[in-house]
C-alpha atoms as a PDB file:
ATOM      1  CA  UNK A   1       5.218  19.446 -15.532  1.00  0.00           C
ATOM      2  CA  UNK A   2       4.124  16.828 -12.443  1.00  0.00           C
ATOM      3  CA  UNK A   3       4.243  17.876  -9.221  1.00  0.00           C
ATOM      4  CA  UNK A   4       5.506  14.634  -7.400  1.00  0.00           C
ATOM      5  CA  UNK A   5       5.622  14.809  -3.289  1.00  0.00           C
ATOM      6  CA  UNK A   6       7.854  11.664  -1.964  1.00  0.00           C
ATOM      7  CA  UNK A   7       6.895  11.030   1.883  1.00  0.00           C
ATOM      8  CA  UNK A   8       8.560   8.760   4.650  1.00  0.00           C
ATOM      9  CA  UNK A   9       7.000   8.242   8.139  1.00  0.00           C
ATOM     10  CA  UNK A  10       9.444   7.717  10.840  1.00  0.00           C
ATOM     11  CA  UNK A  11      10.220   8.977  14.428  1.00  0.00           C
ATOM     12  CA  UNK A  12      13.894   8.448  13.976  1.00  0.00           C
ATOM     13  CA  UNK A  13      14.877  10.000  10.854  1.00  0.00           C
ATOM     14  CA  UNK A  14      16.111   8.234   7.904  1.00  0.00           C
ATOM     15  CA  UNK A  15      19.369   6.118   7.145  1.00  0.00           C
ATOM     16  CA  UNK A  16      22.049   7.026   4.937  1.00  0.00           C
ATOM     17  CA  UNK A  17      20.601   4.819   2.206  1.00  0.00           C
ATOM     18  CA  UNK A  18      17.248   6.403   2.139  1.00  0.00           C
ATOM     19  CA  UNK A  19      19.084   9.745   1.571  1.00  0.00           C
ATOM     20  CA  UNK A  20      21.371   8.926  -1.067  1.00  0.00           C
ATOM     21  CA  UNK A  21      17.854   8.313  -3.029  1.00  0.00           C
ATOM     22  CA  UNK A  22      16.824  11.550  -2.599  1.00  0.00           C
ATOM     23  CA  UNK A  23      20.220  13.180  -2.989  1.00  0.00           C
ATOM     24  CA  UNK A  24      20.406  11.630  -6.211  1.00  0.00           C
ATOM     25  CA  UNK A  25      17.064  12.565  -7.288  1.00  0.00           C
ATOM     26  CA  UNK A  26      18.333  16.332  -6.038  1.00  0.00           C
ATOM     27  CA  UNK A  27      21.180  16.535  -8.262  1.00  0.00           C
ATOM     28  CA  UNK A  28      19.916  14.745 -11.224  1.00  0.00           C
ATOM     29  CA  UNK A  29      15.979  15.628 -11.533  1.00  0.00           C
ATOM     30  CA  UNK A  30      13.913  13.219 -13.145  1.00  0.00           C
ATOM     31  CA  UNK A  31      12.820  14.529 -16.549  1.00  0.00           C
ATOM     32  CA  UNK A  32       9.048  16.143 -16.640  1.00  0.00           C
ATOM     33  CA  UNK A  33       8.502  15.706 -13.012  1.00  0.00           C
ATOM     34  CA  UNK A  34       8.908  18.247 -10.240  1.00  0.00           C
ATOM     35  CA  UNK A  35       9.708  16.489  -6.921  1.00  0.00           C
ATOM     36  CA  UNK A  36       9.320  17.179  -3.422  1.00  0.00           C
ATOM     37  CA  UNK A  37      10.271  15.467  -0.428  1.00  0.00           C
ATOM     38  CA  UNK A  38       8.387  15.214   3.035  1.00  0.00           C
ATOM     39  CA  UNK A  39       9.068  13.141   6.005  1.00  0.00           C
ATOM     40  CA  UNK A  40       6.159  12.653   8.666  1.00  0.00           C
ATOM     41  CA  UNK A  41       6.982  12.461  12.184  1.00  0.00           C
ATOM     42  CA  UNK A  42       4.112  12.820  14.281  1.00  0.00           C
ATOM     43  CA  UNK A  43       2.554   9.706  14.463  1.00  0.00           C
ATOM     44  CA  UNK A  44       4.279   6.215  15.979  1.00  0.00           C
ATOM     45  CA  UNK A  45       0.957   4.359  14.015  1.00  0.00           C
ATOM     46  CA  UNK A  46       1.687   3.865  10.593  1.00  0.00           C
ATOM     47  CA  UNK A  47      -1.863   4.400   9.375  1.00  0.00           C
ATOM     48  CA  UNK A  48      -2.584   7.716  11.077  1.00  0.00           C
ATOM     49  CA  UNK A  49       0.908   8.738   9.260  1.00  0.00           C
ATOM     50  CA  UNK A  50       0.108   7.525   5.501  1.00  0.00           C
ATOM     51  CA  UNK A  51      -3.298   9.365   5.933  1.00  0.00           C
ATOM     52  CA  UNK A  52      -1.487  12.331   6.837  1.00  0.00           C
ATOM     53  CA  UNK A  53       0.645  11.400   4.373  1.00  0.00           C
ATOM     54  CA  UNK A  54      -1.810  11.365   1.559  1.00  0.00           C
ATOM     55  CA  UNK A  55      -3.804  14.478   3.339  1.00  0.00           C
ATOM     56  CA  UNK A  56      -0.717  16.484   2.035  1.00  0.00           C
ATOM     57  CA  UNK A  57      -0.622  15.335  -1.385  1.00  0.00           C
ATOM     58  CA  UNK A  58      -3.806  16.199  -1.809  1.00  0.00           C
ATOM     59  CA  UNK A  59      -4.338  19.593  -0.086  1.00  0.00           C
ATOM     60  CA  UNK A  60      -1.006  20.843  -1.480  1.00  0.00           C
ATOM     61  CA  UNK A  61      -1.665  20.029  -5.198  1.00  0.00           C
ATOM     62  CA  UNK A  62       0.328  17.220  -6.066  1.00  0.00           C
ATOM     63  CA  UNK A  63      -0.742  15.608  -8.860  1.00  0.00           C
ATOM     64  CA  UNK A  64       1.730  12.211  -7.713  1.00  0.00           C
ATOM     65  CA  UNK A  65       2.050  10.851  -4.476  1.00  0.00           C
ATOM     66  CA  UNK A  66       4.451   8.138  -3.755  1.00  0.00           C
ATOM     67  CA  UNK A  67       5.563   7.038  -0.343  1.00  0.00           C
ATOM     68  CA  UNK A  68       9.322   5.437   0.597  1.00  0.00           C
ATOM     69  CA  UNK A  69       9.259   4.060   3.674  1.00  0.00           C
ATOM     70  CA  UNK A  70      12.564   4.427   6.030  1.00  0.00           C
ATOM     71  CA  UNK A  71      13.390   1.134   5.757  1.00  0.00           C
ATOM     72  CA  UNK A  72      13.910   0.770   2.189  1.00  0.00           C
ATOM     73  CA  UNK A  73      17.082   1.388   0.207  1.00  0.00           C
ATOM     74  CA  UNK A  74      16.410   3.391  -3.068  1.00  0.00           C
ATOM     75  CA  UNK A  75      17.733   5.204  -5.807  1.00  0.00           C
ATOM     76  CA  UNK A  76      16.944   7.837  -8.264  1.00  0.00           C
ATOM     77  CA  UNK A  77      16.250   5.014 -11.231  1.00  0.00           C
ATOM     78  CA  UNK A  78      13.635   3.253  -8.910  1.00  0.00           C
ATOM     79  CA  UNK A  79      11.724   6.311  -8.151  1.00  0.00           C
ATOM     80  CA  UNK A  80      11.689   7.087 -12.115  1.00  0.00           C
ATOM     81  CA  UNK A  81      10.910   3.674 -13.190  1.00  0.00           C
ATOM     82  CA  UNK A  82       7.745   3.957 -10.957  1.00  0.00           C
ATOM     83  CA  UNK A  83       7.012   7.693 -12.256  1.00  0.00           C
ATOM     84  CA  UNK A  84       6.949   6.303 -15.666  1.00  0.00           C
ATOM     85  CA  UNK A  85       3.930   3.864 -15.198  1.00  0.00           C
ATOM     86  CA  UNK A  86       0.821   5.733 -16.380  1.00  0.00           C
ATOM     87  CA  UNK A  87      -1.171   3.188 -14.424  1.00  0.00           C
ATOM     88  CA  UNK A  88      -2.969   5.131 -11.085  1.00  0.00           C
ATOM     89  CA  UNK A  89      -1.786   2.406  -8.672  1.00  0.00           C
ATOM     90  CA  UNK A  90       1.905   0.968  -8.471  1.00  0.00           C
ATOM     91  CA  UNK A  91       4.079  -1.191  -5.978  1.00  0.00           C
ATOM     92  CA  UNK A  92       7.660  -2.112  -6.310  1.00  0.00           C
ATOM     93  CA  UNK A  93       8.314  -5.553  -5.702  1.00  0.00           C
ATOM     94  CA  UNK A  94       9.381  -6.410  -1.892  1.00  0.00           C
ATOM     95  CA  UNK A  95       9.317  -9.213   0.935  1.00  0.00           C
ATOM     96  CA  UNK A  96       8.810  -9.318   4.885  1.00  0.00           C
ATOM     97  CA  UNK A  97      12.071  -8.887   7.076  1.00  0.00           C
ATOM     98  CA  UNK A  98      12.840 -12.610   7.047  1.00  0.00           C
ATOM     99  CA  UNK A  99      15.242 -15.527   6.889  1.00  0.00           C
ATOM    100  CA  UNK A 100      14.799 -18.117   4.451  1.00  0.00           C
ATOM    101  CA  UNK A 101      12.885 -18.513   1.364  1.00  0.00           C
ATOM    102  CA  UNK A 102      11.297 -14.886   0.171  1.00  0.00           C
ATOM    103  CA  UNK A 103       8.308 -13.998   1.490  1.00  0.00           C
ATOM    104  CA  UNK A 104       6.492 -11.415  -1.049  1.00  0.00           C
ATOM    105  CA  UNK A 105       4.609  -8.604  -0.078  1.00  0.00           C
ATOM    106  CA  UNK A 106       1.600  -8.462  -1.914  1.00  0.00           C
ATOM    107  CA  UNK A 107      -1.322 -10.797  -3.544  1.00  0.00           C
ATOM    108  CA  UNK A 108      -1.464 -11.693  -7.070  1.00  0.00           C
ATOM    109  CA  UNK A 109      -5.180 -11.111  -8.921  1.00  0.00           C
ATOM    110  CA  UNK A 110      -6.806 -13.943 -10.659  1.00  0.00           C
ATOM    111  CA  UNK A 111      -5.758 -12.596 -14.012  1.00  0.00           C
ATOM    112  CA  UNK A 112      -1.978 -12.460 -12.947  1.00  0.00           C
ATOM    113  CA  UNK A 113       0.131 -12.768 -16.241  1.00  0.00           C
ATOM    114  CA  UNK A 114       3.236 -10.766 -16.350  1.00  0.00           C
ATOM    115  CA  UNK A 115       3.172  -8.100 -18.837  1.00  0.00           C
ATOM    116  CA  UNK A 116       6.320  -6.804 -20.868  1.00  0.00           C
ATOM    117  CA  UNK A 117       6.867  -4.013 -19.154  1.00  0.00           C
ATOM    118  CA  UNK A 118       6.977  -6.219 -15.618  1.00  0.00           C
ATOM    119  CA  UNK A 119       3.812  -5.255 -14.423  1.00  0.00           C
ATOM    120  CA  UNK A 120       1.670  -8.108 -12.699  1.00  0.00           C
ATOM    121  CA  UNK A 121      -1.894  -7.214 -11.603  1.00  0.00           C
ATOM    122  CA  UNK A 122      -2.519  -7.865  -7.727  1.00  0.00           C
ATOM    123  CA  UNK A 123      -5.371  -8.347  -5.791  1.00  0.00           C
ATOM    124  CA  UNK A 124      -3.574  -6.472  -2.265  1.00  0.00           C
ATOM    125  CA  UNK A 125      -0.147  -4.408  -2.724  1.00  0.00           C
ATOM    126  CA  UNK A 126       1.856  -3.245   0.221  1.00  0.00           C
ATOM    127  CA  UNK A 127       2.497   0.180   0.493  1.00  0.00           C
ATOM    128  CA  UNK A 128       6.195   0.384   1.496  1.00  0.00           C
ATOM    129  CA  UNK A 129       7.207   1.827  -1.989  1.00  0.00           C
ATOM    130  CA  UNK A 130       4.051   2.884  -3.785  1.00  0.00           C
ATOM    131  CA  UNK A 131       2.958   5.300  -6.202  1.00  0.00           C
ATOM    132  CA  UNK A 132      -0.401   6.703  -6.345  1.00  0.00           C
ATOM    133  CA  UNK A 133      -1.732   9.077  -8.718  1.00  0.00           C
ATOM    134  CA  UNK A 134      -3.542  11.654  -6.279  1.00  0.00           C
ATOM    135  CA  UNK A 135      -6.791  11.725  -8.191  1.00  0.00           C
ATOM    136  CA  UNK A 136      -7.071   8.357  -6.469  1.00  0.00           C
ATOM    137  CA  UNK A 137      -7.258   9.885  -3.071  1.00  0.00           C
ATOM    138  CA  UNK A 138     -10.227  12.242  -4.379  1.00  0.00           C
ATOM    139  CA  UNK A 139     -11.947   9.497  -5.691  1.00  0.00           C
ATOM    140  CA  UNK A 140     -12.164   7.217  -2.855  1.00  0.00           C
ATOM    141  CA  UNK A 141     -13.468  10.665  -0.771  1.00  0.00           C
ATOM    142  CA  UNK A 142     -16.696  10.904  -3.072  1.00  0.00           C
ATOM    143  CA  UNK A 143     -16.963   6.758  -2.800  1.00  0.00           C
ATOM    144  CA  UNK A 144     -16.710   6.801   1.099  1.00  0.00           C
ATOM    145  CA  UNK A 145     -17.855  10.034   2.520  1.00  0.00           C
ATOM    146  CA  UNK A 146     -18.081   8.069   5.876  1.00  0.00           C
ATOM    147  CA  UNK A 147     -14.101   7.629   6.548  1.00  0.00           C
ATOM    148  CA  UNK A 148     -13.933  11.506   6.690  1.00  0.00           C
ATOM    149  CA  UNK A 149     -12.732  12.276  10.700  1.00  0.00           C
ATOM    150  CA  UNK A 150     -11.710  14.971  12.542  1.00  0.00           C
ATOM    151  CA  UNK A 151      -8.221  14.455  14.175  1.00  0.00           C
ATOM    152  CA  UNK A 152      -6.149  16.291  17.219  1.00  0.00           C
ATOM    153  CA  UNK A 153      -2.437  16.230  16.233  1.00  0.00           C
ATOM    154  CA  UNK A 154       0.181  16.247  18.913  1.00  0.00           C
ATOM    155  CA  UNK A 155      -0.014  19.666  19.193  1.00  0.00           C
ATOM    156  CA  UNK A 156      -3.679  20.137  20.038  1.00  0.00           C
ATOM    157  CA  UNK A 157      -4.647  21.681  16.354  1.00  0.00           C
ATOM    158  CA  UNK A 158      -7.808  19.887  14.786  1.00  0.00           C
ATOM    159  CA  UNK A 159      -8.305  19.157  11.377  1.00  0.00           C
ATOM    160  CA  UNK A 160     -10.331  17.084   8.983  1.00  0.00           C
ATOM    161  CA  UNK A 161      -8.700  14.312   7.381  1.00  0.00           C
ATOM    162  CA  UNK A 162      -9.688  10.951   5.619  1.00  0.00           C
ATOM    163  CA  UNK A 163      -9.054   7.416   6.355  1.00  0.00           C
ATOM    164  CA  UNK A 164      -7.914   6.313   2.782  1.00  0.00           C
ATOM    165  CA  UNK A 165      -5.245   3.823   4.858  1.00  0.00           C
ATOM    166  CA  UNK A 166      -7.589   2.289   7.577  1.00  0.00           C
ATOM    167  CA  UNK A 167      -7.254  -1.015   9.758  1.00  0.00           C
ATOM    168  CA  UNK A 168     -10.287  -2.836  10.379  1.00  0.00           C
ATOM    169  CA  UNK A 169     -12.492  -5.842   9.427  1.00  0.00           C
ATOM    170  CA  UNK A 170     -13.715  -7.223   6.375  1.00  0.00           C
ATOM    171  CA  UNK A 171     -15.740  -9.876   5.941  1.00  0.00           C
ATOM    172  CA  UNK A 172     -19.612 -11.477   6.100  1.00  0.00           C
ATOM    173  CA  UNK A 173     -20.312 -10.341   9.748  1.00  0.00           C
ATOM    174  CA  UNK A 174     -18.959  -6.906   9.654  1.00  0.00           C
ATOM    175  CA  UNK A 175     -21.839  -3.687   9.206  1.00  0.00           C
ATOM    176  CA  UNK A 176     -21.134  -3.656   5.829  1.00  0.00           C
ATOM    177  CA  UNK A 177     -21.998  -6.641   5.107  1.00  0.00           C
ATOM    178  CA  UNK A 178     -24.838  -7.029   7.384  1.00  0.00           C
ATOM    179  CA  UNK A 179     -26.444  -4.060   5.448  1.00  0.00           C
ATOM    180  CA  UNK A 180     -25.845  -5.580   2.656  1.00  0.00           C
ATOM    181  CA  UNK A 181     -27.500  -8.972   3.481  1.00  0.00           C
ATOM    182  CA  UNK A 182     -30.778  -7.322   4.858  1.00  0.00           C
ATOM    183  CA  UNK A 183     -30.799  -5.196   1.503  1.00  0.00           C
ATOM    184  CA  UNK A 184     -30.770  -8.946   0.074  1.00  0.00           C
ATOM    185  CA  UNK A 185     -33.571  -9.846   2.228  1.00  0.00           C
ATOM    186  CA  UNK A 186     -36.057  -6.843   1.540  1.00  0.00           C
ATOM    187  CA  UNK A 187     -35.395  -7.476  -1.975  1.00  0.00           C
ATOM    188  CA  UNK A 188     -36.009 -11.496  -1.400  1.00  0.00           C
ATOM    189  CA  UNK A 189     -39.374 -10.983  -0.020  1.00  0.00           C
ATOM    190  CA  UNK A 190     -41.121 -13.829  -1.810  1.00  0.00           C
ATOM    191  CA  UNK A 191     -38.552 -16.157   0.078  1.00  0.00           C
ATOM    192  CA  UNK A 192     -36.502 -15.447   3.014  1.00  0.00           C
ATOM    193  CA  UNK A 193     -34.157 -18.280   4.416  1.00  0.00           C
ATOM    194  CA  UNK A 194     -35.159 -17.700   8.300  1.00  0.00           C
ATOM    195  CA  UNK A 195     -31.275 -19.346   9.593  1.00  0.00           C
ATOM    196  CA  UNK A 196     -29.682 -17.074   7.277  1.00  0.00           C
ATOM    197  CA  UNK A 197     -31.514 -13.766   8.232  1.00  0.00           C
ATOM    198  CA  UNK A 198     -30.969 -14.610  12.084  1.00  0.00           C
ATOM    199  CA  UNK A 199     -27.341 -14.592  10.882  1.00  0.00           C
ATOM    200  CA  UNK A 200     -27.530 -11.467   9.059  1.00  0.00           C
ATOM    201  CA  UNK A 201     -29.132  -9.742  12.025  1.00  0.00           C
ATOM    202  CA  UNK A 202     -27.249 -11.009  14.968  1.00  0.00           C
ATOM    203  CA  UNK A 203     -23.616 -10.849  13.083  1.00  0.00           C
ATOM    204  CA  UNK A 204     -23.563 -15.080  13.649  1.00  0.00           C
ATOM    205  CA  UNK A 205     -22.531 -16.023   9.697  1.00  0.00           C
ATOM    206  CA  UNK A 206     -20.496 -18.842  10.167  1.00  0.00           C
ATOM    207  CA  UNK A 207     -17.262 -17.110   8.144  1.00  0.00           C
ATOM    208  CA  UNK A 208     -15.062 -15.507  10.231  1.00  0.00           C
ATOM    209  CA  UNK A 209     -14.340 -11.575   9.195  1.00  0.00           C
ATOM    210  CA  UNK A 210     -10.546 -10.843   8.752  1.00  0.00           C
ATOM    211  CA  UNK A 211      -8.182  -8.122   9.949  1.00  0.00           C
ATOM    212  CA  UNK A 212      -6.350  -6.167   7.045  1.00  0.00           C
ATOM    213  CA  UNK A 213      -3.933  -4.019   7.680  1.00  0.00           C
ATOM    214  CA  UNK A 214      -3.649  -0.498   6.655  1.00  0.00           C
ATOM    215  CA  UNK A 215      -1.886  -1.751   2.954  1.00  0.00           C
ATOM    216  CA  UNK A 216      -4.292  -4.735   1.956  1.00  0.00           C
ATOM    217  CA  UNK A 217      -7.304  -1.974   3.382  1.00  0.00           C
ATOM    218  CA  UNK A 218      -5.930   0.693   1.007  1.00  0.00           C
ATOM    219  CA  UNK A 219      -6.089  -2.124  -1.812  1.00  0.00           C
ATOM    220  CA  UNK A 220      -9.462  -3.505  -0.557  1.00  0.00           C
ATOM    221  CA  UNK A 221     -11.058   0.307  -0.613  1.00  0.00           C
ATOM    222  CA  UNK A 222      -9.438   1.046  -4.314  1.00  0.00           C
ATOM    223  CA  UNK A 223     -10.850  -2.153  -6.035  1.00  0.00           C
ATOM    224  CA  UNK A 224     -14.101  -1.635  -4.210  1.00  0.00           C
ATOM    225  CA  UNK A 225     -14.163   1.660  -6.436  1.00  0.00           C
ATOM    226  CA  UNK A 226     -13.039  -0.053  -9.398  1.00  0.00           C
ATOM    227  CA  UNK A 227      -8.975   0.872  -9.706  1.00  0.00           C
ATOM    228  CA  UNK A 228      -6.947  -1.958 -11.002  1.00  0.00           C
ATOM    229  CA  UNK A 229      -3.836  -2.512  -8.709  1.00  0.00           C
ATOM    230  CA  UNK A 230      -0.409  -3.451  -9.966  1.00  0.00           C
ATOM    231  CA  UNK A 231       2.711  -4.498  -8.566  1.00  0.00           C
ATOM    232  CA  UNK A 232       6.176  -3.696 -10.957  1.00  0.00           C
ATOM    233  CA  UNK A 233       8.315  -7.337 -10.812  1.00  0.00           C
ATOM    234  CA  UNK A 234      11.212  -5.721 -12.444  1.00  0.00           C
ATOM    235  CA  UNK A 235      11.646  -3.049  -9.616  1.00  0.00           C
ATOM    236  CA  UNK A 236      12.774  -4.790  -6.693  1.00  0.00           C
ATOM    237  CA  UNK A 237      13.551  -3.001  -3.389  1.00  0.00           C
ATOM    238  CA  UNK A 238      15.487  -4.443  -0.586  1.00  0.00           C
ATOM    239  CA  UNK A 239      13.922  -4.312   3.018  1.00  0.00           C
ATOM    240  CA  UNK A 240      16.191  -3.345   5.649  1.00  0.00           C
ATOM    241  CA  UNK A 241      16.093  -5.298   8.732  1.00  0.00           C
ATOM    242  CA  UNK A 242      19.513  -6.936  10.079  1.00  0.00           C
ATOM    243  CA  UNK A 243      20.399  -7.390   6.973  1.00  0.00           C
ATOM    244  CA  UNK A 244      18.841  -5.963   3.470  1.00  0.00           C
ATOM    245  CA  UNK A 245      16.162  -8.912   2.500  1.00  0.00           C
ATOM    246  CA  UNK A 246      15.933 -10.748   0.685  1.00  0.00           C
ATOM    247  CA  UNK A 247      19.511 -11.258   0.948  1.00  0.00           C
ATOM    248  CA  UNK A 248      21.663 -10.228  -1.904  1.00  0.00           C
ATOM    249  CA  UNK A 249      23.952 -12.462  -3.900  1.00  0.00           C
ATOM    250  CA  UNK A 250      27.194 -11.063  -2.903  1.00  0.00           C
ATOM    251  CA  UNK A 251      26.028 -11.548   0.882  1.00  0.00           C
ATOM    252  CA  UNK A 252      25.649 -15.217   0.054  1.00  0.00           C
ATOM    253  CA  UNK A 253      28.398 -18.362   0.044  1.00  0.00           C
ATOM    254  CA  UNK A 254      29.601 -19.264  -3.320  1.00  0.00           C
ATOM    255  CA  UNK A 255      29.001 -23.025  -2.488  1.00  0.00           C
ATOM    256  CA  UNK A 256      25.373 -24.173  -2.560  1.00  0.00           C
ATOM    257  CA  UNK A 257      25.332 -26.522  -0.136  1.00  0.00           C
ATOM    258  CA  UNK A 258      26.486 -23.526   2.412  1.00  0.00           C
ATOM    259  CA  UNK A 259      23.827 -21.088   1.672  1.00  0.00           C
ATOM    260  CA  UNK A 260      21.619 -20.504   4.670  1.00  0.00           C
ATOM    261  CA  UNK A 261      19.088 -18.385   3.092  1.00  0.00           C
ATOM    262  CA  UNK A 262      17.355 -19.900   0.196  1.00  0.00           C
ATOM    263  CA  UNK A 263      18.351 -17.597  -3.120  1.00  0.00           C
ATOM    264  CA  UNK A 264      15.298 -14.840  -3.803  1.00  0.00           C
ATOM    265  CA  UNK A 265      12.597 -16.299  -6.495  1.00  0.00           C
ATOM    266  CA  UNK A 266      10.765 -14.143  -8.323  1.00  0.00           C
ATOM    267  CA  UNK A 267       9.130 -16.930 -10.361  1.00  0.00           C
ATOM    268  CA  UNK A 268       6.574 -16.816  -7.217  1.00  0.00           C
ATOM    269  CA  UNK A 269       5.794 -13.412  -9.206  1.00  0.00           C
END
């Protein structure tokens, strides 16, 4: 029996469409899985909330952590499907909350052939409907010990946590990349490119750094550790805004000439 923690971060509670999924799993348990639900409501910053949720999954001895954001309608079959995958890190497929052609969240890897089970390898994945084996959190702690920190919660209590879901910069002018450049310079002592050396030391290499949100930075850390990331293209979950996105078929006019939004095109994945 695998212990599963399903958690969501929200300051205003969850909607009925989210509770329907939780109720369906409670009434019809998923074979081989003991599912517990948790709401993280102590932080406004989503990256802090995700770190706290991951910390709970690890510290309480769960086997699998599933994050389902409060703006995703879901059902028991969705949770059962994502738990059926043996891969350690799998995301559902969803798009941004915007009208027009769906803008899918996530970036495919170069080797992006779709498998028979619908999985596509990704370079970056979203975290709104994400399954992570808790062993991944342990591995990241061992690989990046410098990301441990002490945090003071809203009640004034300090506890040790880990930055699994940071928001930050990646690129040639970050301290990490500059240190790698210095190591390269020290290794190639027979020939030192003085211009390159100055750029490395001053942090002025021409290529800009890139800011990654907590979802893509988590992906970045996992890939550096050797994990593959997957998106299940057969597990499409809606993203609730002023309407569910991508716009469902039954909300659209039957005459294609009158369509205000493009129909969801999964061929992009």
